[in-house]
Amino acid sequence: MKFELIVRPRPGARDPQADAVSAALHRSEWSHISAHSVGRYMLLSVDAPSEEQALAQAHSVCEQLLVNPLLEQYELRAIREPLSDEPSDRNGAR
């Protein structure tokens, strides 16, 4: 089973990466654009006997290894269709 993992800073947590991106944007021709949050995106593949066990294992690895619960929040989405190795073109991404 495959999962998309999106990790973002918790609301109110300091986000130095977003601050750095915003500063660079403000020094450029895109000074009207700001970054509010910078996070991580991962594709996970879990080999488990059932969908429920795969989901439980994916949450477990997120909570124990991949996400700092004090500073970050995460969203885990099951992917039902096959994924290619190419990045998606969602929301105009190139």
C-alpha atoms as a PDB file:
ATOM      1  CA  MET A   1       0.000   0.000   0.000  1.00  0.00           C
ATOM      2  CA  LYS A   2       1.276   3.470  -0.834  1.00  0.00           C
ATOM      3  CA  PHE A   3       0.839   6.656   1.176  1.00  0.00           C
ATOM      4  CA  GLU A   4       1.534  10.340   0.674  1.00  0.00           C
ATOM      5  CA  LEU A   5       2.984  11.996   3.758  1.00  0.00           C
ATOM      6  CA  ILE A   6       2.816  15.770   4.096  1.00  0.00           C
ATOM      7  CA  VAL A   7       4.626  17.282   7.080  1.00  0.00           C
ATOM      8  CA  ARG A   8       4.134  20.932   8.059  1.00  0.00           C
ATOM      9  CA  PRO A   9       5.153  23.066  11.027  1.00  0.00           C
ATOM     10  CA  ARG A  10       2.490  23.260  13.721  1.00  0.00           C
ATOM     11  CA  PRO A  11       0.545  26.537  13.813  1.00  0.00           C
ATOM     12  CA  GLY A  12       2.514  28.994  15.930  1.00  0.00           C
ATOM     13  CA  ALA A  13       5.783  27.043  15.619  1.00  0.00           C
ATOM     14  CA  ARG A  14       8.750  28.960  14.248  1.00  0.00           C
ATOM     15  CA  ASP A  15       9.421  28.176  10.582  1.00  0.00           C
ATOM     16  CA  PRO A  16      12.934  29.399   9.676  1.00  0.00           C
ATOM     17  CA  GLN A  17      12.730  27.853   6.193  1.00  0.00           C
ATOM     18  CA  ALA A  18       9.591  29.847   5.374  1.00  0.00           C
ATOM     19  CA  ASP A  19      11.287  32.977   6.763  1.00  0.00           C
ATOM     20  CA  ALA A  20      14.313  32.403   4.498  1.00  0.00           C
ATOM     21  CA  VAL A  21      12.145  31.781   1.422  1.00  0.00           C
ATOM     22  CA  SER A  22      10.072  34.892   2.155  1.00  0.00           C
ATOM     23  CA  ALA A  23      13.216  37.007   2.600  1.00  0.00           C
ATOM     24  CA  ALA A  24      14.589  35.792  -0.740  1.00  0.00           C
ATOM     25  CA  LEU A  25      11.275  36.501  -2.451  1.00  0.00           C
ATOM     26  CA  HIS A  26      11.118  40.008  -0.980  1.00  0.00           C
ATOM     27  CA  ARG A  27      14.621  40.748  -2.323  1.00  0.00           C
ATOM     28  CA  SER A  28      13.600  39.624  -5.790  1.00  0.00           C
ATOM     29  CA  GLU A  29      11.108  40.584  -8.443  1.00  0.00           C
ATOM     30  CA  TRP A  30       8.507  38.526  -6.503  1.00  0.00           C
ATOM     31  CA  SER A  31       8.401  40.803  -3.460  1.00  0.00           C
ATOM     32  CA  HIS A  32       4.592  40.531  -3.409  1.00  0.00           C
ATOM     33  CA  ILE A  33       4.791  36.778  -2.613  1.00  0.00           C
ATOM     34  CA  SER A  34       5.433  35.310   0.864  1.00  0.00           C
ATOM     35  CA  ALA A  35       5.988  31.748   2.055  1.00  0.00           C
ATOM     36  CA  HIS A  36       3.793  30.930   5.026  1.00  0.00           C
ATOM     37  CA  SER A  37       4.985  27.393   5.581  1.00  0.00           C
ATOM     38  CA  VAL A  38       7.704  25.081   4.274  1.00  0.00           C
ATOM     39  CA  GLY A  39       7.259  21.377   4.823  1.00  0.00           C
ATOM     40  CA  ARG A  40       8.198  17.968   3.506  1.00  0.00           C
ATOM     41  CA  TYR A  41       6.493  15.585   1.123  1.00  0.00           C
ATOM     42  CA  MET A  42       7.211  11.857   1.058  1.00  0.00           C
ATOM     43  CA  LEU A  43       5.849   8.805  -0.705  1.00  0.00           C
ATOM     44  CA  LEU A  44       5.795   5.748   1.531  1.00  0.00           C
ATOM     45  CA  SER A  45       5.252   2.144   0.550  1.00  0.00           C
ATOM     46  CA  VAL A  46       4.134  -0.282   3.281  1.00  0.00           C
ATOM     47  CA  ASP A  47       4.095  -4.032   2.783  1.00  0.00           C
ATOM     48  CA  ALA A  48       1.416  -5.370   5.144  1.00  0.00           C
ATOM     49  CA  PRO A  49      -1.243  -8.125   5.076  1.00  0.00           C
ATOM     50  CA  SER A  50      -4.158  -5.661   5.166  1.00  0.00           C
ATOM     51  CA  GLU A  51      -4.961  -2.035   4.441  1.00  0.00           C
ATOM     52  CA  GLU A  52      -5.696  -1.397   8.129  1.00  0.00           C
ATOM     53  CA  GLN A  53      -2.322  -2.817   9.184  1.00  0.00           C
ATOM     54  CA  ALA A  54      -0.537  -0.799   6.506  1.00  0.00           C
ATOM     55  CA  LEU A  55      -2.197   2.390   7.722  1.00  0.00           C
ATOM     56  CA  ALA A  56      -1.350   1.597  11.351  1.00  0.00           C
ATOM     57  CA  GLN A  57       2.296   0.940  10.439  1.00  0.00           C
ATOM     58  CA  ALA A  58       2.495   4.143   8.393  1.00  0.00           C
ATOM     59  CA  HIS A  59       1.112   6.190  11.305  1.00  0.00           C
ATOM     60  CA  SER A  60       3.527   4.457  13.664  1.00  0.00           C
ATOM     61  CA  VAL A  61       6.609   5.314  11.598  1.00  0.00           C
ATOM     62  CA  CYS A  62       5.389   8.904  11.231  1.00  0.00           C
ATOM     63  CA  GLU A  63       4.871   9.346  14.961  1.00  0.00           C
ATOM     64  CA  GLN A  64       8.044   7.534  16.054  1.00  0.00           C
ATOM     65  CA  LEU A  65      10.561   8.562  13.387  1.00  0.00           C
ATOM     66  CA  LEU A  66       9.499  10.933  10.627  1.00  0.00           C
ATOM     67  CA  VAL A  67       7.571  13.692  12.434  1.00  0.00           C
ATOM     68  CA  ASN A  68       8.532  15.776  15.460  1.00  0.00           C
ATOM     69  CA  PRO A  69       5.156  16.015  17.240  1.00  0.00           C
ATOM     70  CA  LEU A  70       6.239  19.046  19.272  1.00  0.00           C
ATOM     71  CA  LEU A  71       6.925  21.173  16.194  1.00  0.00           C
ATOM     72  CA  GLU A  72       5.186  19.463  13.281  1.00  0.00           C
ATOM     73  CA  GLN A  73       1.856  18.066  12.185  1.00  0.00           C
ATOM     74  CA  TYR A  74       1.296  15.572   9.409  1.00  0.00           C
ATOM     75  CA  GLU A  75      -1.270  14.345   6.969  1.00  0.00           C
ATOM     76  CA  LEU A  76      -1.184  10.785   5.691  1.00  0.00           C
ATOM     77  CA  ARG A  77      -3.194   9.875   2.584  1.00  0.00           C
ATOM     78  CA  ALA A  78      -3.662   6.415   1.134  1.00  0.00           C
ATOM     79  CA  ILE A  79      -2.975   6.254  -2.596  1.00  0.00           C
ATOM     80  CA  ARG A  80      -5.245   3.868  -4.410  1.00  0.00           C
ATOM     81  CA  GLU A  81      -3.960   4.317  -7.980  1.00  0.00           C
ATOM     82  CA  PRO A  82      -0.466   3.454  -9.217  1.00  0.00           C
ATOM     83  CA  LEU A  83       2.125   6.203  -8.882  1.00  0.00           C
ATOM     84  CA  SER A  84       4.809   6.968 -11.392  1.00  0.00           C
ATOM     85  CA  ASP A  85       8.288   7.998 -10.333  1.00  0.00           C
ATOM     86  CA  GLU A  86       7.688  11.408 -11.885  1.00  0.00           C
ATOM     87  CA  PRO A  87       6.581  14.296  -9.637  1.00  0.00           C
ATOM     88  CA  SER A  88       2.910  15.126 -10.040  1.00  0.00           C
ATOM     89  CA  ASP A  89       1.737  18.151 -11.951  1.00  0.00           C
ATOM     90  CA  ARG A  90      -0.755  19.047  -9.244  1.00  0.00           C
ATOM     91  CA  ASN A  91      -1.474  22.747  -8.771  1.00  0.00           C
ATOM     92  CA  GLY A  92       0.731  23.797 -11.651  1.00  0.00           C
ATOM     93  CA  ALA A  93       3.933  22.166 -10.369  1.00  0.00           C
ATOM     94  CA  ARG A  94       6.698  21.721 -12.916  1.00  0.00           C
END
